[in-house]
PDB file of N, CA and C in Angstrom:
ATOM      1  N   UNK A   1       0.837  -1.187   0.000  1.00  0.00           N
ATOM      2  CA  UNK A   1       0.000   0.000   0.000  1.00  0.00           C
ATOM      3  C   UNK A   1       0.876   1.243   0.000  1.00  0.00           C
ATOM      4  N   UNK A   2       0.386   2.264  -0.654  1.00  0.00           N
ATOM      5  CA  UNK A   2       1.125   3.516  -0.723  1.00  0.00           C
ATOM      6  C   UNK A   2       0.844   4.365   0.511  1.00  0.00           C
ATOM      7  N   UNK A   3       1.841   5.131   0.888  1.00  0.00           N
ATOM      8  CA  UNK A   3       1.659   6.055   2.009  1.00  0.00           C
ATOM      9  C   UNK A   3       0.927   7.302   1.531  1.00  0.00           C
ATOM     10  N   UNK A   4       0.465   8.092   2.476  1.00  0.00           N
ATOM     11  CA  UNK A   4      -0.195   9.348   2.126  1.00  0.00           C
ATOM     12  C   UNK A   4       0.757  10.280   1.383  1.00  0.00           C
ATOM     13  N   UNK A   5       2.030  10.220   1.730  1.00  0.00           N
ATOM     14  CA  UNK A   5       3.016  11.046   1.032  1.00  0.00           C
ATOM     15  C   UNK A   5       3.057  10.684  -0.451  1.00  0.00           C
ATOM     16  N   UNK A   6       3.000   9.388  -0.740  1.00  0.00           N
ATOM     17  CA  UNK A   6       3.003   8.924  -2.126  1.00  0.00           C
ATOM     18  C   UNK A   6       1.692   9.237  -2.844  1.00  0.00           C
ATOM     19  N   UNK A   7       0.602   9.310  -2.101  1.00  0.00           N
ATOM     20  CA  UNK A   7      -0.717   9.572  -2.678  1.00  0.00           C
ATOM     21  C   UNK A   7      -1.065  11.060  -2.770  1.00  0.00           C
ATOM     22  N   UNK A   8      -0.272  11.909  -2.146  1.00  0.00           N
ATOM     23  CA  UNK A   8      -0.549  13.346  -2.192  1.00  0.00           C
ATOM     24  C   UNK A   8      -0.453  13.834  -3.636  1.00  0.00           C
ATOM     25  N   UNK A   9      -1.447  14.575  -4.078  1.00  0.00           N
ATOM     26  CA  UNK A   9      -1.447  15.074  -5.455  1.00  0.00           C
ATOM     27  C   UNK A   9      -0.239  15.978  -5.670  1.00  0.00           C
ATOM     28  N   UNK A  10       0.349  15.930  -6.868  1.00  0.00           N
ATOM     29  CA  UNK A  10       1.590  16.666  -7.149  1.00  0.00           C
ATOM     30  C   UNK A  10       1.524  18.161  -6.841  1.00  0.00           C
ATOM     31  N   UNK A  11       0.412  18.792  -7.128  1.00  0.00           N
ATOM     32  CA  UNK A  11       0.323  20.236  -6.878  1.00  0.00           C
ATOM     33  C   UNK A  11       0.392  20.570  -5.385  1.00  0.00           C
ATOM     34  N   UNK A  12      -0.101  19.669  -4.543  1.00  0.00           N
ATOM     35  CA  UNK A  12      -0.040  19.902  -3.101  1.00  0.00           C
ATOM     36  C   UNK A  12       1.324  19.512  -2.532  1.00  0.00           C
ATOM     37  N   UNK A  13       1.958  18.521  -3.131  1.00  0.00           N
ATOM     38  CA  UNK A  13       3.315  18.176  -2.735  1.00  0.00           C
ATOM     39  C   UNK A  13       4.257  19.344  -3.039  1.00  0.00           C
ATOM     40  N   UNK A  14       4.051  19.969  -4.180  1.00  0.00           N
ATOM     41  CA  UNK A  14       4.858  21.130  -4.556  1.00  0.00           C
ATOM     42  C   UNK A  14       4.662  22.278  -3.557  1.00  0.00           C
ATOM     43  N   UNK A  15       3.409  22.543  -3.188  1.00  0.00           N
ATOM     44  CA  UNK A  15       3.126  23.600  -2.209  1.00  0.00           C
ATOM     45  C   UNK A  15       3.730  23.266  -0.850  1.00  0.00           C
ATOM     46  N   UNK A  16       3.657  22.004  -0.470  1.00  0.00           N
ATOM     47  CA  UNK A  16       4.234  21.570   0.797  1.00  0.00           C
ATOM     48  C   UNK A  16       5.748  21.804   0.798  1.00  0.00           C
ATOM     49  N   UNK A  17       6.397  21.468  -0.297  1.00  0.00           N
ATOM     50  CA  UNK A  17       7.838  21.694  -0.405  1.00  0.00           C
ATOM     51  C   UNK A  17       8.185  23.175  -0.367  1.00  0.00           C
ATOM     52  N   UNK A  18       7.347  24.014  -0.953  1.00  0.00           N
ATOM     53  CA  UNK A  18       7.571  25.462  -0.920  1.00  0.00           C
ATOM     54  C   UNK A  18       7.482  26.012   0.501  1.00  0.00           C
ATOM     55  N   UNK A  19       6.641  25.415   1.319  1.00  0.00           N
ATOM     56  CA  UNK A  19       6.462  25.889   2.687  1.00  0.00           C
ATOM     57  C   UNK A  19       7.613  25.504   3.614  1.00  0.00           C
ATOM     58  N   UNK A  20       8.480  24.616   3.151  1.00  0.00           N
ATOM     59  CA  UNK A  20       9.610  24.183   3.974  1.00  0.00           C
ATOM     60  C   UNK A  20      10.483  25.362   4.388  1.00  0.00           C
ATOM     61  N   UNK A  21      10.696  26.303   3.491  1.00  0.00           N
ATOM     62  CA  UNK A  21      11.531  27.468   3.807  1.00  0.00           C
ATOM     63  C   UNK A  21      10.883  28.360   4.862  1.00  0.00           C
ATOM     64  N   UNK A  22       9.562  28.477   4.813  1.00  0.00           N
ATOM     65  CA  UNK A  22       8.844  29.351   5.745  1.00  0.00           C
ATOM     66  C   UNK A  22       8.577  28.686   7.095  1.00  0.00           C
ATOM     67  N   UNK A  23       8.208  27.424   7.059  1.00  0.00           N
ATOM     68  CA  UNK A  23       7.813  26.697   8.267  1.00  0.00           C
ATOM     69  C   UNK A  23       8.513  25.343   8.317  1.00  0.00           C
ATOM     70  N   UNK A  24       9.824  25.321   8.519  1.00  0.00           N
ATOM     71  CA  UNK A  24      10.549  24.054   8.429  1.00  0.00           C
ATOM     72  C   UNK A  24      10.092  22.981   9.412  1.00  0.00           C
ATOM     73  N   UNK A  25       9.869  23.339  10.657  1.00  0.00           N
ATOM     74  CA  UNK A  25       9.479  22.345  11.661  1.00  0.00           C
ATOM     75  C   UNK A  25       8.101  21.772  11.368  1.00  0.00           C
ATOM     76  N   UNK A  26       7.155  22.629  11.070  1.00  0.00           N
ATOM     77  CA  UNK A  26       5.791  22.191  10.769  1.00  0.00           C
ATOM     78  C   UNK A  26       5.770  21.317   9.524  1.00  0.00           C
ATOM     79  N   UNK A  27       6.495  21.736   8.507  1.00  0.00           N
ATOM     80  CA  UNK A  27       6.523  20.974   7.259  1.00  0.00           C
ATOM     81  C   UNK A  27       7.179  19.619   7.456  1.00  0.00           C
ATOM     82  N   UNK A  28       8.277  19.576   8.194  1.00  0.00           N
ATOM     83  CA  UNK A  28       8.943  18.295   8.462  1.00  0.00           C
ATOM     84  C   UNK A  28       8.018  17.341   9.212  1.00  0.00           C
ATOM     85  N   UNK A  29       7.274  17.876  10.196  1.00  0.00           N
ATOM     86  CA  UNK A  29       6.340  17.057  10.963  1.00  0.00           C
ATOM     87  C   UNK A  29       5.212  16.537  10.059  1.00  0.00           C
ATOM     88  N   UNK A  30       4.725  17.395   9.181  1.00  0.00           N
ATOM     89  CA  UNK A  30       3.658  16.998   8.262  1.00  0.00           C
ATOM     90  C   UNK A  30       4.135  15.906   7.322  1.00  0.00           C
ATOM     91  N   UNK A  31       5.315  16.084   6.745  1.00  0.00           N
ATOM     92  CA  UNK A  31       5.867  15.083   5.831  1.00  0.00           C
ATOM     93  C   UNK A  31       6.090  13.760   6.560  1.00  0.00           C
ATOM     94  N   UNK A  32       6.584  13.825   7.779  1.00  0.00           N
ATOM     95  CA  UNK A  32       6.806  12.613   8.575  1.00  0.00           C
ATOM     96  C   UNK A  32       5.490  11.856   8.766  1.00  0.00           C
ATOM     97  N   UNK A  33       4.425  12.582   9.121  1.00  0.00           N
ATOM     98  CA  UNK A  33       3.125  11.924   9.315  1.00  0.00           C
ATOM     99  C   UNK A  33       2.598  11.336   8.016  1.00  0.00           C
ATOM    100  N   UNK A  34       2.800  12.049   6.914  1.00  0.00           N
ATOM    101  CA  UNK A  34       2.338  11.549   5.623  1.00  0.00           C
ATOM    102  C   UNK A  34       3.069  10.272   5.240  1.00  0.00           C
ATOM    103  N   UNK A  35       4.348  10.199   5.564  1.00  0.00           N
ATOM    104  CA  UNK A  35       5.143   9.017   5.229  1.00  0.00           C
ATOM    105  C   UNK A  35       4.847   7.830   6.144  1.00  0.00           C
ATOM    106  N   UNK A  36       4.289   8.093   7.324  1.00  0.00           N
ATOM    107  CA  UNK A  36       4.009   7.028   8.291  1.00  0.00           C
ATOM    108  C   UNK A  36       2.584   6.490   8.223  1.00  0.00           C
ATOM    109  N   UNK A  37       1.728   7.110   7.428  1.00  0.00           N
ATOM    110  CA  UNK A  37       0.318   6.719   7.409  1.00  0.00           C
ATOM    111  C   UNK A  37      -0.169   6.392   6.006  1.00  0.00           C
ATOM    112  N   UNK A  38      -1.147   5.489   5.947  1.00  0.00           N
ATOM    113  CA  UNK A  38      -1.762   5.135   4.673  1.00  0.00           C
ATOM    114  C   UNK A  38      -3.202   5.644   4.577  1.00  0.00           C
ATOM    115  N   UNK A  39      -3.717   6.195   5.659  1.00  0.00           N
ATOM    116  CA  UNK A  39      -5.068   6.751   5.672  1.00  0.00           C
ATOM    117  C   UNK A  39      -5.050   8.116   6.348  1.00  0.00           C
ATOM    118  N   UNK A  40      -5.723   9.079   5.737  1.00  0.00           N
ATOM    119  CA  UNK A  40      -5.757  10.413   6.345  1.00  0.00           C
ATOM    120  C   UNK A  40      -6.552  10.415   7.645  1.00  0.00           C
ATOM    121  N   UNK A  41      -7.279   9.353   7.927  1.00  0.00           N
ATOM    122  CA  UNK A  41      -8.015   9.247   9.188  1.00  0.00           C
ATOM    123  C   UNK A  41      -7.072   9.145  10.389  1.00  0.00           C
ATOM    124  N   UNK A  42      -5.813   8.786  10.141  1.00  0.00           N
ATOM    125  CA  UNK A  42      -4.846   8.634  11.225  1.00  0.00           C
ATOM    126  C   UNK A  42      -3.989   9.874  11.443  1.00  0.00           C
ATOM    127  N   UNK A  43      -4.219  10.918  10.681  1.00  0.00           N
ATOM    128  CA  UNK A  43      -3.455  12.154  10.854  1.00  0.00           C
ATOM    129  C   UNK A  43      -3.954  12.919  12.074  1.00  0.00           C
ATOM    130  N   UNK A  44      -3.064  13.681  12.675  1.00  0.00           N
ATOM    131  CA  UNK A  44      -3.502  14.555  13.761  1.00  0.00           C
ATOM    132  C   UNK A  44      -4.344  15.684  13.170  1.00  0.00           C
ATOM    133  N   UNK A  45      -5.163  16.288  13.992  1.00  0.00           N
ATOM    134  CA  UNK A  45      -5.995  17.405  13.540  1.00  0.00           C
ATOM    135  C   UNK A  45      -5.098  18.540  13.047  1.00  0.00           C
ATOM    136  N   UNK A  46      -4.002  18.778  13.744  1.00  0.00           N
ATOM    137  CA  UNK A  46      -3.084  19.844  13.352  1.00  0.00           C
ATOM    138  C   UNK A  46      -2.517  19.594  11.955  1.00  0.00           C
ATOM    139  N   UNK A  47      -2.091  18.387  11.683  1.00  0.00           N
ATOM    140  CA  UNK A  47      -1.556  18.055  10.363  1.00  0.00           C
ATOM    141  C   UNK A  47      -2.637  18.156   9.298  1.00  0.00           C
ATOM    142  N   UNK A  48      -3.818  17.674   9.602  1.00  0.00           N
ATOM    143  CA  UNK A  48      -4.929  17.766   8.655  1.00  0.00           C
ATOM    144  C   UNK A  48      -5.231  19.223   8.316  1.00  0.00           C
ATOM    145  N   UNK A  49      -5.224  20.084   9.316  1.00  0.00           N
ATOM    146  CA  UNK A  49      -5.468  21.515   9.087  1.00  0.00           C
ATOM    147  C   UNK A  49      -4.363  22.120   8.232  1.00  0.00           C
ATOM    148  N   UNK A  50      -3.120  21.757   8.516  1.00  0.00           N
ATOM    149  CA  UNK A  50      -1.997  22.259   7.716  1.00  0.00           C
ATOM    150  C   UNK A  50      -2.130  21.837   6.263  1.00  0.00           C
ATOM    151  N   UNK A  51      -2.550  20.617   6.039  1.00  0.00           N
ATOM    152  CA  UNK A  51      -2.719  20.131   4.672  1.00  0.00           C
ATOM    153  C   UNK A  51      -3.854  20.860   3.954  1.00  0.00           C
ATOM    154  N   UNK A  52      -4.951  21.091   4.644  1.00  0.00           N
ATOM    155  CA  UNK A  52      -6.069  21.811   4.029  1.00  0.00           C
ATOM    156  C   UNK A  52      -5.659  23.235   3.652  1.00  0.00           C
ATOM    157  N   UNK A  53      -4.767  23.818   4.420  1.00  0.00           N
ATOM    158  CA  UNK A  53      -4.323  25.182   4.102  1.00  0.00           C
ATOM    159  C   UNK A  53      -3.514  25.217   2.806  1.00  0.00           C
ATOM    160  N   UNK A  54      -2.973  24.086   2.364  1.00  0.00           N
ATOM    161  CA  UNK A  54      -2.260  24.041   1.087  1.00  0.00           C
ATOM    162  C   UNK A  54      -3.191  24.329  -0.074  1.00  0.00           C
ATOM    163  N   UNK A  55      -4.469  24.068   0.135  1.00  0.00           N
ATOM    164  CA  UNK A  55      -5.483  24.303  -0.898  1.00  0.00           C
ATOM    165  C   UNK A  55      -6.175  25.646  -0.660  1.00  0.00           C
ATOM    166  N   UNK A  56      -5.489  26.540   0.059  1.00  0.00           N
ATOM    167  CA  UNK A  56      -6.037  27.852   0.410  1.00  0.00           C
ATOM    168  C   UNK A  56      -7.379  27.743   1.119  1.00  0.00           C
ATOM    169  N   UNK A  57      -7.530  26.678   1.854  1.00  0.00           N
ATOM    170  CA  UNK A  57      -8.769  26.421   2.576  1.00  0.00           C
ATOM    171  C   UNK A  57      -8.494  26.577   4.067  1.00  0.00           C
ATOM    172  N   UNK A  58      -9.205  27.504   4.692  1.00  0.00           N
ATOM    173  CA  UNK A  58      -8.990  27.741   6.114  1.00  0.00           C
ATOM    174  C   UNK A  58      -9.845  26.840   6.987  1.00  0.00           C
ATOM    175  N   UNK A  59     -10.756  26.118   6.369  1.00  0.00           N
ATOM    176  CA  UNK A  59     -11.626  25.212   7.119  1.00  0.00           C
ATOM    177  C   UNK A  59     -11.137  23.788   6.966  1.00  0.00           C
ATOM    178  N   UNK A  60     -11.327  23.028   7.989  1.00  0.00           N
ATOM    179  CA  UNK A  60     -10.969  21.614   7.955  1.00  0.00           C
ATOM    180  C   UNK A  60     -12.237  20.809   7.729  1.00  0.00           C
ATOM    181  N   UNK A  61     -12.297  20.127   6.609  1.00  0.00           N
ATOM    182  CA  UNK A  61     -13.437  19.250   6.360  1.00  0.00           C
ATOM    183  C   UNK A  61     -12.921  17.950   5.756  1.00  0.00           C
ATOM    184  N   UNK A  62     -13.668  16.905   5.955  1.00  0.00           N
ATOM    185  CA  UNK A  62     -13.280  15.592   5.448  1.00  0.00           C
ATOM    186  C   UNK A  62     -13.187  15.617   3.926  1.00  0.00           C
ATOM    187  N   UNK A  63     -14.106  16.281   3.282  1.00  0.00           N
ATOM    188  CA  UNK A  63     -14.100  16.332   1.817  1.00  0.00           C
ATOM    189  C   UNK A  63     -12.870  17.074   1.311  1.00  0.00           C
ATOM    190  N   UNK A  64     -12.586  18.228   1.916  1.00  0.00           N
ATOM    191  CA  UNK A  64     -11.412  18.996   1.486  1.00  0.00           C
ATOM    192  C   UNK A  64     -10.125  18.208   1.719  1.00  0.00           C
ATOM    193  N   UNK A  65     -10.037  17.543   2.837  1.00  0.00           N
ATOM    194  CA  UNK A  65      -8.852  16.752   3.148  1.00  0.00           C
ATOM    195  C   UNK A  65      -8.700  15.591   2.170  1.00  0.00           C
ATOM    196  N   UNK A  66      -9.770  14.881   1.907  1.00  0.00           N
ATOM    197  CA  UNK A  66      -9.688  13.727   1.000  1.00  0.00           C
ATOM    198  C   UNK A  66      -9.368  14.140  -0.430  1.00  0.00           C
ATOM    199  N   UNK A  67      -9.734  15.353  -0.822  1.00  0.00           N
ATOM    200  CA  UNK A  67      -9.451  15.828  -2.177  1.00  0.00           C
ATOM    201  C   UNK A  67      -7.981  16.122  -2.421  1.00  0.00           C
ATOM    202  N   UNK A  68      -7.166  16.114  -1.397  1.00  0.00           N
ATOM    203  CA  UNK A  68      -5.743  16.366  -1.554  1.00  0.00           C
ATOM    204  C   UNK A  68      -4.974  15.132  -2.036  1.00  0.00           C
ATOM    205  N   UNK A  69      -5.654  13.978  -1.999  1.00  0.00           N
ATOM    206  CA  UNK A  69      -4.988  12.708  -2.285  1.00  0.00           C
ATOM    207  C   UNK A  69      -5.565  12.042  -3.524  1.00  0.00           C
ATOM    208  N   UNK A  70      -4.767  11.186  -4.146  1.00  0.00           N
ATOM    209  CA  UNK A  70      -5.171  10.471  -5.356  1.00  0.00           C
ATOM    210  C   UNK A  70      -6.099   9.304  -5.083  1.00  0.00           C
ATOM    211  N   UNK A  71      -6.302   8.941  -3.861  1.00  0.00           N
ATOM    212  CA  UNK A  71      -7.135   7.780  -3.516  1.00  0.00           C
ATOM    213  C   UNK A  71      -8.578   8.009  -3.887  1.00  0.00           C
TER     214      UNK A  71
END
């Protein structure tokens, strides 16, 4: 099975990489969680919120979160 990091859509992976310069600790933690999980249901709320913000979305919703991945 692929990890969430592998399933993250390319445009969001690119945005995540761009944020490394601005928020290195947060981005490293997010990438670590993505590499350790195969379902977004296992992400922390903080990581889920950070990922939703990649889509310029300030709200955390299951639909918005699931749309970030190829699954």
